[in-house]
Each structure stands twice: as C-alpha cells, then as structure tokens.
PDB file of N, CA and C in Angstrom:
ATOM      1  N   MET A   1      -6.290  -4.768  54.904  1.00  0.00           N
ATOM      2  CA  MET A   1      -6.305  -4.915  54.160  1.00  0.00           C
ATOM      3  C   MET A   1      -5.563  -4.753  52.929  1.00  0.00           C
ATOM      4  N   ASN A   2      -5.280  -4.833  52.680  1.00  0.00           N
ATOM      5  CA  ASN A   2      -3.592  -5.147  51.841  1.00  0.00           C
ATOM      6  C   ASN A   2      -3.844  -4.595  50.146  1.00  0.00           C
ATOM      7  N   ALA A   3      -5.104  -4.659  49.972  1.00  0.00           N
ATOM      8  CA  ALA A   3      -5.618  -4.891  48.595  1.00  0.00           C
ATOM      9  C   ALA A   3      -5.415  -3.359  48.444  1.00  0.00           C
ATOM     10  N   ILE A   4      -4.398  -3.513  47.094  1.00  0.00           N
ATOM     11  CA  ILE A   4      -4.340  -2.099  46.249  1.00  0.00           C
ATOM     12  C   ILE A   4      -4.756  -0.965  45.726  1.00  0.00           C
ATOM     13  N   GLU A   5      -4.992   0.517  46.753  1.00  0.00           N
ATOM     14  CA  GLU A   5      -6.193   1.322  45.977  1.00  0.00           C
ATOM     15  C   GLU A   5      -5.783   2.073  45.074  1.00  0.00           C
ATOM     16  N   GLU A   6      -6.522   2.282  44.627  1.00  0.00           N
ATOM     17  CA  GLU A   6      -6.267   2.976  43.419  1.00  0.00           C
ATOM     18  C   GLU A   6      -7.592   4.248  42.943  1.00  0.00           C
ATOM     19  N   ALA A   7      -6.995   5.298  43.084  1.00  0.00           N
ATOM     20  CA  ALA A   7      -7.768   6.234  43.090  1.00  0.00           C
ATOM     21  C   ALA A   7      -9.153   6.442  41.720  1.00  0.00           C
ATOM     22  N   ILE A   8     -10.092   6.775  42.360  1.00  0.00           N
ATOM     23  CA  ILE A   8     -11.128   7.170  41.186  1.00  0.00           C
ATOM     24  C   ILE A   8     -11.637   8.360  40.871  1.00  0.00           C
ATOM     25  N   PRO A   9     -11.450   8.552  39.279  1.00  0.00           N
ATOM     26  CA  PRO A   9     -12.195   9.487  38.733  1.00  0.00           C
ATOM     27  C   PRO A   9     -12.978  10.445  40.154  1.00  0.00           C
ATOM     28  N   GLU A  10     -12.719  12.055  40.183  1.00  0.00           N
ATOM     29  CA  GLU A  10     -13.222  12.566  41.125  1.00  0.00           C
ATOM     30  C   GLU A  10     -15.652  12.092  41.298  1.00  0.00           C
ATOM     31  N   GLU A  11     -15.510  13.052  39.269  1.00  0.00           N
ATOM     32  CA  GLU A  11     -16.804  12.870  39.123  1.00  0.00           C
ATOM     33  C   GLU A  11     -17.704  11.883  39.190  1.00  0.00           C
ATOM     34  N   ALA A  12     -17.349  10.435  39.243  1.00  0.00           N
ATOM     35  CA  ALA A  12     -17.655   9.178  39.479  1.00  0.00           C
ATOM     36  C   ALA A  12     -17.824   9.055  40.437  1.00  0.00           C
ATOM     37  N   LEU A  13     -16.761   9.443  41.813  1.00  0.00           N
ATOM     38  CA  LEU A  13     -16.736   9.818  42.602  1.00  0.00           C
ATOM     39  C   LEU A  13     -18.774  10.156  43.372  1.00  0.00           C
ATOM     40  N   ILE A  14     -18.893  11.602  43.038  1.00  0.00           N
ATOM     41  CA  ILE A  14     -19.406  12.080  43.024  1.00  0.00           C
ATOM     42  C   ILE A  14     -20.479  11.995  42.204  1.00  0.00           C
ATOM     43  N   ASP A  15     -21.365  11.107  41.501  1.00  0.00           N
ATOM     44  CA  ASP A  15     -21.972  10.177  41.391  1.00  0.00           C
ATOM     45  C   ASP A  15     -22.586   9.839  42.269  1.00  0.00           C
ATOM     46  N   ILE A  16     -21.622   9.057  42.674  1.00  0.00           N
ATOM     47  CA  ILE A  16     -22.205   7.511  43.276  1.00  0.00           C
ATOM     48  C   ILE A  16     -22.695   8.722  44.630  1.00  0.00           C
ATOM     49  N   PHE A  17     -22.096   8.680  45.547  1.00  0.00           N
ATOM     50  CA  PHE A  17     -22.313  10.036  46.444  1.00  0.00           C
ATOM     51  C   PHE A  17     -23.612   9.630  46.687  1.00  0.00           C
ATOM     52  N   GLY A  18     -23.382  10.640  45.393  1.00  0.00           N
ATOM     53  CA  GLY A  18     -25.039  11.896  45.888  1.00  0.00           C
ATOM     54  C   GLY A  18     -26.510  10.513  44.993  1.00  0.00           C
ATOM     55  N   LYS A  19     -25.631   9.146  44.422  1.00  0.00           N
ATOM     56  CA  LYS A  19     -27.280   8.430  45.218  1.00  0.00           C
ATOM     57  C   LYS A  19     -26.796   7.159  46.572  1.00  0.00           C
ATOM     58  N   ARG A  20     -26.061   7.366  46.563  1.00  0.00           N
ATOM     59  CA  ARG A  20     -26.723   6.774  48.183  1.00  0.00           C
ATOM     60  C   ARG A  20     -26.630   7.822  49.337  1.00  0.00           C
ATOM     61  N   HIS A  21     -26.038   9.181  50.050  1.00  0.00           N
ATOM     62  CA  HIS A  21     -25.995   9.988  49.798  1.00  0.00           C
ATOM     63  C   HIS A  21     -26.536  11.065  49.943  1.00  0.00           C
ATOM     64  N   PRO A  22     -27.767  11.184  49.037  1.00  0.00           N
ATOM     65  CA  PRO A  22     -28.597  13.024  48.583  1.00  0.00           C
ATOM     66  C   PRO A  22     -28.811  14.009  49.207  1.00  0.00           C
ATOM     67  N   TYR A  23     -29.290  13.155  50.517  1.00  0.00           N
ATOM     68  CA  TYR A  23     -29.416  14.479  52.307  1.00  0.00           C
ATOM     69  C   TYR A  23     -28.643  15.065  52.602  1.00  0.00           C
ATOM     70  N   TRP A  24     -27.001  14.882  52.081  1.00  0.00           N
ATOM     71  CA  TRP A  24     -25.986  14.794  52.236  1.00  0.00           C
ATOM     72  C   TRP A  24     -25.175  16.361  51.209  1.00  0.00           C
ATOM     73  N   LYS A  25     -25.632  16.749  50.248  1.00  0.00           N
ATOM     74  CA  LYS A  25     -25.542  17.374  49.100  1.00  0.00           C
ATOM     75  C   LYS A  25     -24.964  18.727  49.470  1.00  0.00           C
ATOM     76  N   GLU A  26     -25.564  19.872  50.713  1.00  0.00           N
ATOM     77  CA  GLU A  26     -24.705  20.747  51.160  1.00  0.00           C
ATOM     78  C   GLU A  26     -23.643  20.213  51.880  1.00  0.00           C
ATOM     79  N   ARG A  27     -23.045  19.465  52.269  1.00  0.00           N
ATOM     80  CA  ARG A  27     -22.186  19.239  52.611  1.00  0.00           C
ATOM     81  C   ARG A  27     -21.025  18.666  51.508  1.00  0.00           C
ATOM     82  N   LEU A  28     -21.448  17.636  51.017  1.00  0.00           N
ATOM     83  CA  LEU A  28     -20.607  18.251  49.469  1.00  0.00           C
ATOM     84  C   LEU A  28     -20.099  19.510  48.427  1.00  0.00           C
ATOM     85  N   GLN A  29     -21.159  20.159  49.053  1.00  0.00           N
ATOM     86  CA  GLN A  29     -21.049  21.351  47.810  1.00  0.00           C
ATOM     87  C   GLN A  29     -19.855  22.110  48.697  1.00  0.00           C
ATOM     88  N   ALA A  30     -19.913  22.334  50.395  1.00  0.00           N
ATOM     89  CA  ALA A  30     -18.862  23.414  50.623  1.00  0.00           C
ATOM     90  C   ALA A  30     -17.312  22.501  51.085  1.00  0.00           C
ATOM     91  N   LEU A  31     -17.779  21.341  51.045  1.00  0.00           N
ATOM     92  CA  LEU A  31     -15.625  20.878  50.972  1.00  0.00           C
ATOM     93  C   LEU A  31     -15.622  20.613  49.453  1.00  0.00           C
ATOM     94  N   SER A  32     -17.068  20.853  48.760  1.00  0.00           N
ATOM     95  CA  SER A  32     -15.332  21.033  47.405  1.00  0.00           C
ATOM     96  C   SER A  32     -15.539  22.949  47.550  1.00  0.00           C
ATOM     97  N   THR A  33     -15.881  23.669  47.545  1.00  0.00           N
ATOM     98  CA  THR A  33     -15.945  25.064  47.898  1.00  0.00           C
ATOM     99  C   THR A  33     -14.673  25.319  48.716  1.00  0.00           C
ATOM    100  N   HIS A  34     -14.375  24.278  50.121  1.00  0.00           N
ATOM    101  CA  HIS A  34     -13.306  24.226  51.164  1.00  0.00           C
ATOM    102  C   HIS A  34     -11.966  23.475  50.346  1.00  0.00           C
ATOM    103  N   PHE A  35     -12.012  22.866  49.591  1.00  0.00           N
ATOM    104  CA  PHE A  35     -11.172  21.907  49.308  1.00  0.00           C
ATOM    105  C   PHE A  35     -10.266  22.893  47.127  1.00  0.00           C
ATOM    106  N   ALA A  36     -11.532  23.511  46.779  1.00  0.00           N
ATOM    107  CA  ALA A  36     -10.720  23.774  45.539  1.00  0.00           C
ATOM    108  C   ALA A  36     -10.317  24.676  45.227  1.00  0.00           C
ATOM    109  N   GLY A  37      -8.759  24.839  44.310  1.00  0.00           N
ATOM    110  CA  GLY A  37      -7.744  25.539  44.343  1.00  0.00           C
ATOM    111  C   GLY A  37      -6.789  24.716  44.891  1.00  0.00           C
ATOM    112  N   LYS A  38      -6.731  23.237  45.652  1.00  0.00           N
ATOM    113  CA  LYS A  38      -5.130  23.026  47.356  1.00  0.00           C
ATOM    114  C   LYS A  38      -4.800  22.046  46.177  1.00  0.00           C
ATOM    115  N   ARG A  39      -3.784  22.163  46.637  1.00  0.00           N
ATOM    116  CA  ARG A  39      -3.581  20.601  45.949  1.00  0.00           C
ATOM    117  C   ARG A  39      -3.121  18.953  46.346  1.00  0.00           C
ATOM    118  N   GLY A  40      -3.588  18.295  46.375  1.00  0.00           N
ATOM    119  CA  GLY A  40      -3.507  16.657  46.329  1.00  0.00           C
ATOM    120  C   GLY A  40      -5.311  16.882  46.550  1.00  0.00           C
ATOM    121  N   PRO A  41      -5.776  15.399  46.697  1.00  0.00           N
ATOM    122  CA  PRO A  41      -6.899  14.879  47.370  1.00  0.00           C
ATOM    123  C   PRO A  41      -8.022  16.576  47.192  1.00  0.00           C
ATOM    124  N   ARG A  42      -9.250  16.467  46.516  1.00  0.00           N
ATOM    125  CA  ARG A  42     -10.421  17.163  47.276  1.00  0.00           C
ATOM    126  C   ARG A  42     -11.315  16.820  47.779  1.00  0.00           C
ATOM    127  N   VAL A  43     -12.693  16.707  47.445  1.00  0.00           N
ATOM    128  CA  VAL A  43     -13.674  16.107  47.991  1.00  0.00           C
ATOM    129  C   VAL A  43     -13.316  15.138  49.135  1.00  0.00           C
ATOM    130  N   PHE A  44     -13.269  13.962  47.825  1.00  0.00           N
ATOM    131  CA  PHE A  44     -12.893  12.432  48.293  1.00  0.00           C
ATOM    132  C   PHE A  44     -11.515  12.027  48.417  1.00  0.00           C
ATOM    133  N   ALA A  45     -11.043  10.352  49.273  1.00  0.00           N
ATOM    134  CA  ALA A  45     -10.119   9.924  48.605  1.00  0.00           C
ATOM    135  C   ALA A  45     -10.190   8.781  49.389  1.00  0.00           C
ATOM    136  N   PRO A  46      -8.768   8.348  48.994  1.00  0.00           N
ATOM    137  CA  PRO A  46      -9.595   6.307  49.316  1.00  0.00           C
ATOM    138  C   PRO A  46      -9.017   6.117  50.309  1.00  0.00           C
ATOM    139  N   ILE A  47      -8.895   5.296  51.221  1.00  0.00           N
ATOM    140  CA  ILE A  47      -8.258   4.495  52.207  1.00  0.00           C
ATOM    141  C   ILE A  47      -7.426   3.419  51.487  1.00  0.00           C
ATOM    142  N   LYS A  48      -6.093   3.942  52.387  1.00  0.00           N
ATOM    143  CA  LYS A  48      -4.874   3.047  51.770  1.00  0.00           C
ATOM    144  C   LYS A  48      -4.320   2.459  53.099  1.00  0.00           C
ATOM    145  N   GLY A  49      -4.164   1.463  53.316  1.00  0.00           N
ATOM    146  CA  GLY A  49      -4.091   0.588  54.816  1.00  0.00           C
ATOM    147  C   GLY A  49      -5.271   0.713  54.770  1.00  0.00           C
ATOM    148  N   ASP A  50      -5.058   1.175  56.275  1.00  0.00           N
ATOM    149  CA  ASP A  50      -5.944   1.685  57.263  1.00  0.00           C
ATOM    150  C   ASP A  50      -5.704   2.802  57.671  1.00  0.00           C
ATOM    151  N   SER A  51      -5.536   3.813  56.867  1.00  0.00           N
ATOM    152  CA  SER A  51      -5.673   5.335  56.815  1.00  0.00           C
ATOM    153  C   SER A  51      -6.259   5.879  56.177  1.00  0.00           C
ATOM    154  N   CYS A  52      -6.185   7.713  55.756  1.00  0.00           N
ATOM    155  CA  CYS A  52      -6.729   8.722  54.962  1.00  0.00           C
ATOM    156  C   CYS A  52      -5.532   8.243  53.492  1.00  0.00           C
ATOM    157  N   GLY A  53      -6.077   8.716  52.742  1.00  0.00           N
ATOM    158  CA  GLY A  53      -4.764   8.396  51.030  1.00  0.00           C
ATOM    159  C   GLY A  53      -5.141  10.386  51.458  1.00  0.00           C
ATOM    160  N   ALA A  54      -5.733  10.610  52.074  1.00  0.00           N
ATOM    161  CA  ALA A  54      -4.758  12.652  52.082  1.00  0.00           C
ATOM    162  C   ALA A  54      -4.108  12.732  52.624  1.00  0.00           C
ATOM    163  N   CYS A  55      -4.356  12.847  54.107  1.00  0.00           N
ATOM    164  CA  CYS A  55      -3.535  12.943  55.510  1.00  0.00           C
ATOM    165  C   CYS A  55      -2.739  12.702  56.309  1.00  0.00           C
ATOM    166  N   ARG A  56      -3.094  11.002  56.071  1.00  0.00           N
ATOM    167  CA  ARG A  56      -2.367   9.543  56.196  1.00  0.00           C
ATOM    168  C   ARG A  56      -2.865   9.505  58.566  1.00  0.00           C
ATOM    169  N   VAL A  57      -4.317   9.713  58.280  1.00  0.00           N
ATOM    170  CA  VAL A  57      -4.431   9.476  60.538  1.00  0.00           C
ATOM    171  C   VAL A  57      -5.051   8.177  60.226  1.00  0.00           C
ATOM    172  N   LYS A  58      -4.971   7.470  61.622  1.00  0.00           N
ATOM    173  CA  LYS A  58      -5.842   6.770  61.249  1.00  0.00           C
ATOM    174  C   LYS A  58      -6.755   6.124  61.300  1.00  0.00           C
ATOM    175  N   ILE A  59      -7.715   5.249  60.265  1.00  0.00           N
ATOM    176  CA  ILE A  59      -9.097   4.951  60.857  1.00  0.00           C
ATOM    177  C   ILE A  59      -8.999   4.091  61.840  1.00  0.00           C
ATOM    178  N   ALA A  60      -9.707   3.818  62.842  1.00  0.00           N
ATOM    179  CA  ALA A  60     -10.000   3.349  63.270  1.00  0.00           C
ATOM    180  C   ALA A  60     -10.637   2.253  62.714  1.00  0.00           C
ATOM    181  N   SER A  61     -10.629   0.350  63.608  1.00  0.00           N
ATOM    182  CA  SER A  61     -11.194  -0.883  62.585  1.00  0.00           C
ATOM    183  C   SER A  61     -12.290  -0.395  61.806  1.00  0.00           C
ATOM    184  N   ALA A  62     -13.083  -0.312  63.698  1.00  0.00           N
ATOM    185  CA  ALA A  62     -15.065  -0.161  63.596  1.00  0.00           C
ATOM    186  C   ALA A  62     -15.338   0.505  62.182  1.00  0.00           C
ATOM    187  N   ARG A  63     -15.068   1.640  61.894  1.00  0.00           N
ATOM    188  CA  ARG A  63     -15.175   2.682  61.156  1.00  0.00           C
ATOM    189  C   ARG A  63     -14.629   1.925  59.545  1.00  0.00           C
ATOM    190  N   LEU A  64     -13.415   1.033  58.779  1.00  0.00           N
ATOM    191  CA  LEU A  64     -13.321   1.123  59.119  1.00  0.00           C
ATOM    192  C   LEU A  64     -14.050  -0.706  58.145  1.00  0.00           C
ATOM    193  N   GLN A  65     -14.659  -1.211  58.634  1.00  0.00           N
ATOM    194  CA  GLN A  65     -15.545  -1.891  58.583  1.00  0.00           C
ATOM    195  C   GLN A  65     -16.777  -2.166  57.938  1.00  0.00           C
ATOM    196  N   ARG A  66     -17.196  -0.274  58.293  1.00  0.00           N
ATOM    197  CA  ARG A  66     -18.369  -0.664  57.931  1.00  0.00           C
ATOM    198  C   ARG A  66     -17.734   0.519  56.003  1.00  0.00           C
ATOM    199  N   THR A  67     -16.313   0.546  55.592  1.00  0.00           N
ATOM    200  CA  THR A  67     -16.221   0.447  54.113  1.00  0.00           C
ATOM    201  C   THR A  67     -16.501  -0.453  52.925  1.00  0.00           C
ATOM    202  N   ARG A  68     -16.073  -1.434  53.767  1.00  0.00           N
ATOM    203  CA  ARG A  68     -16.513  -2.770  52.979  1.00  0.00           C
ATOM    204  C   ARG A  68     -17.846  -3.463  52.080  1.00  0.00           C
ATOM    205  N   ASP A  69     -18.758  -2.547  52.725  1.00  0.00           N
ATOM    206  CA  ASP A  69     -20.478  -2.349  51.640  1.00  0.00           C
ATOM    207  C   ASP A  69     -19.983  -1.702  50.816  1.00  0.00           C
ATOM    208  N   GLY A  70     -19.295  -0.958  50.798  1.00  0.00           N
ATOM    209  CA  GLY A  70     -18.793   0.264  48.954  1.00  0.00           C
ATOM    210  C   GLY A  70     -19.861   2.020  50.889  1.00  0.00           C
ATOM    211  N   SER A  71     -19.688   1.788  51.518  1.00  0.00           N
ATOM    212  CA  SER A  71     -20.478   3.031  52.158  1.00  0.00           C
ATOM    213  C   SER A  71     -19.025   4.154  52.268  1.00  0.00           C
ATOM    214  N   PHE A  72     -19.047   4.765  52.046  1.00  0.00           N
ATOM    215  CA  PHE A  72     -18.151   6.010  52.912  1.00  0.00           C
ATOM    216  C   PHE A  72     -18.167   6.431  53.932  1.00  0.00           C
ATOM    217  N   ILE A  73     -17.556   7.003  54.357  1.00  0.00           N
ATOM    218  CA  ILE A  73     -16.792   7.590  55.966  1.00  0.00           C
ATOM    219  C   ILE A  73     -16.207   8.206  55.795  1.00  0.00           C
ATOM    220  N   ALA A  74     -16.052   9.749  56.949  1.00  0.00           N
ATOM    221  CA  ALA A  74     -16.048  10.170  56.216  1.00  0.00           C
ATOM    222  C   ALA A  74     -14.629  10.818  57.385  1.00  0.00           C
ATOM    223  N   CYS A  75     -12.854  11.199  57.218  1.00  0.00           N
ATOM    224  CA  CYS A  75     -12.547  11.862  57.926  1.00  0.00           C
ATOM    225  C   CYS A  75     -12.268  11.567  59.260  1.00  0.00           C
ATOM    226  N   ALA A  76     -11.927  11.971  59.893  1.00  0.00           N
ATOM    227  CA  ALA A  76     -11.469  12.693  61.213  1.00  0.00           C
ATOM    228  C   ALA A  76     -11.341  13.088  61.917  1.00  0.00           C
ATOM    229  N   ASN A  77     -10.197  13.746  60.567  1.00  0.00           N
ATOM    230  CA  ASN A  77      -9.554  15.318  60.881  1.00  0.00           C
ATOM    231  C   ASN A  77      -9.304  16.040  59.404  1.00  0.00           C
ATOM    232  N   CYS A  78      -9.081  15.548  58.865  1.00  0.00           N
ATOM    233  CA  CYS A  78      -9.764  16.538  57.908  1.00  0.00           C
ATOM    234  C   CYS A  78     -10.109  16.361  56.460  1.00  0.00           C
ATOM    235  N   ALA A  79     -11.694  16.025  56.882  1.00  0.00           N
ATOM    236  CA  ALA A  79     -12.948  15.661  57.291  1.00  0.00           C
ATOM    237  C   ALA A  79     -13.487  15.533  55.654  1.00  0.00           C
ATOM    238  N   ARG A  80     -12.523  15.660  54.382  1.00  0.00           N
ATOM    239  CA  ARG A  80     -12.442  14.133  53.320  1.00  0.00           C
ATOM    240  C   ARG A  80     -13.649  12.923  54.186  1.00  0.00           C
ATOM    241  N   PHE A  81     -14.239  12.820  52.130  1.00  0.00           N
ATOM    242  CA  PHE A  81     -14.766  12.045  52.403  1.00  0.00           C
ATOM    243  C   PHE A  81     -14.027  10.341  51.794  1.00  0.00           C
ATOM    244  N   LEU A  82     -14.344   9.213  52.418  1.00  0.00           N
ATOM    245  CA  LEU A  82     -13.153   8.092  52.798  1.00  0.00           C
ATOM    246  C   LEU A  82     -13.937   6.923  52.246  1.00  0.00           C
ATOM    247  N   TYR A  83     -13.579   6.355  51.306  1.00  0.00           N
ATOM    248  CA  TYR A  83     -13.845   4.433  49.902  1.00  0.00           C
ATOM    249  C   TYR A  83     -12.846   3.941  49.947  1.00  0.00           C
ATOM    250  N   LEU A  84     -13.361   2.612  50.311  1.00  0.00           N
ATOM    251  CA  LEU A  84     -12.983   1.592  50.034  1.00  0.00           C
ATOM    252  C   LEU A  84     -12.652   1.573  48.689  1.00  0.00           C
ATOM    253  N   ALA A  85     -11.679   1.317  47.523  1.00  0.00           N
ATOM    254  CA  ALA A  85     -12.418   1.817  46.026  1.00  0.00           C
ATOM    255  C   ALA A  85     -12.283   0.598  45.686  1.00  0.00           C
ATOM    256  N   SER A  86     -11.807  -1.272  46.411  1.00  0.00           N
ATOM    257  CA  SER A  86     -11.989  -1.790  45.641  1.00  0.00           C
ATOM    258  C   SER A  86     -13.292  -2.323  45.595  1.00  0.00           C
ATOM    259  N   THR A  87     -14.419  -1.806  46.244  1.00  0.00           N
ATOM    260  CA  THR A  87     -15.204  -1.379  46.623  1.00  0.00           C
ATOM    261  C   THR A  87     -16.570  -0.803  45.977  1.00  0.00           C
ATOM    262  N   MET A  88     -15.883   0.463  45.023  1.00  0.00           N
ATOM    263  CA  MET A  88     -16.675   0.824  43.773  1.00  0.00           C
ATOM    264  C   MET A  88     -16.214   0.726  42.841  1.00  0.00           C
ATOM    265  N   SER A  89     -14.967   0.353  42.179  1.00  0.00           N
ATOM    266  CA  SER A  89     -14.872  -0.057  40.986  1.00  0.00           C
ATOM    267  C   SER A  89     -15.925  -0.737  40.674  1.00  0.00           C
ATOM    268  N   SER A  90     -16.665  -1.686  40.696  1.00  0.00           N
ATOM    269  CA  SER A  90     -18.577  -1.843  39.662  1.00  0.00           C
ATOM    270  C   SER A  90     -18.978  -0.662  39.475  1.00  0.00           C
ATOM    271  N   GLU A  91     -19.424   0.746  40.611  1.00  0.00           N
ATOM    272  CA  GLU A  91     -20.155   1.493  40.551  1.00  0.00           C
ATOM    273  C   GLU A  91     -19.287   2.469  39.360  1.00  0.00           C
ATOM    274  N   GLU A  92     -18.090   2.635  39.600  1.00  0.00           N
ATOM    275  CA  GLU A  92     -17.656   4.222  38.940  1.00  0.00           C
ATOM    276  C   GLU A  92     -17.425   3.667  37.638  1.00  0.00           C
ATOM    277  N   GLY A  93     -17.363   1.763  37.243  1.00  0.00           N
ATOM    278  CA  GLY A  93     -18.138   1.821  35.568  1.00  0.00           C
ATOM    279  C   GLY A  93     -18.993   1.981  35.445  1.00  0.00           C
ATOM    280  N   SER A  94     -19.926   2.320  35.661  1.00  0.00           N
ATOM    281  CA  SER A  94     -21.001   2.030  35.590  1.00  0.00           C
ATOM    282  C   SER A  94     -21.386   3.968  35.210  1.00  0.00           C
ATOM    283  N   ALA A  95     -21.080   3.988  36.442  1.00  0.00           N
ATOM    284  CA  ALA A  95     -21.087   6.077  36.970  1.00  0.00           C
ATOM    285  C   ALA A  95     -20.306   6.701  35.301  1.00  0.00           C
ATOM    286  N   THR A  96     -20.001   6.398  34.802  1.00  0.00           N
ATOM    287  CA  THR A  96     -18.861   7.078  33.851  1.00  0.00           C
ATOM    288  C   THR A  96     -19.530   6.271  32.226  1.00  0.00           C
ATOM    289  N   ARG A  97     -19.946   4.729  32.303  1.00  0.00           N
ATOM    290  CA  ARG A  97     -20.510   4.824  30.775  1.00  0.00           C
ATOM    291  C   ARG A  97     -22.486   5.680  31.116  1.00  0.00           C
ATOM    292  N   SER A  98     -22.569   5.812  32.477  1.00  0.00           N
ATOM    293  CA  SER A  98     -24.093   6.066  31.843  1.00  0.00           C
ATOM    294  C   SER A  98     -23.637   8.132  31.860  1.00  0.00           C
ATOM    295  N   ARG A  99     -22.912   8.276  31.315  1.00  0.00           N
ATOM    296  CA  ARG A  99     -21.927   9.591  31.234  1.00  0.00           C
ATOM    297  C   ARG A  99     -21.620   9.709  29.958  1.00  0.00           C
ATOM    298  N   SER A 100     -21.464   8.867  29.496  1.00  0.00           N
ATOM    299  CA  SER A 100     -21.028   8.989  28.170  1.00  0.00           C
ATOM    300  C   SER A 100     -21.565   9.289  26.902  1.00  0.00           C
TER     301      SER A 100
END
C-alpha cells in the first residue's frame, strides 16, 4: 500500500460510516466524546502505509486486507476507526454533494 493517503473530512466519514455501520452509532458517539477537544485525529484516522495514521501502531496484514473493500476497522491501540482513503474517495464526493 504505497498510495498517498489523504485525510477525508470527518463529517463525510461520519456519513459513510453511518450508512455502512448503523449499529455502531453508540460507539461512534462515545469515541466522539472521548476525543473531543484533543489534538490530532478525532474518531477516524487514515491508514498510512501499514500503520494507524493517529498512533502509528502497525496493523496486521489480514486486517489491512479487510479495508480494501472500503470497510472500516478499529485500531487495536487507540480505538479510532481506520480507513483506506483511496477506497473512500468516490463515496466522500457523493456524501459532500448530498449535504450541499
């Protein structure tokens, strides 16, 4: 995974995440509260190389494989939801347009 990963706006990620994982709404709210006011990424962090973009802990290759279809995974260290930005770009554009 050598593609350059860019951060996606948190609002767009919340929209995408809500559509894919509506049953994790309480966990999303709890993480939002926990990370509110802290520096750096809040609830979501991009995968950079083979590591969490927030805490830099390496992610197992089997777990990385699950993100290639656009799924979110939780970081085993910091609990943020991780995403592969290259798989979110098309949905992010549609989420941004639907809010306009």
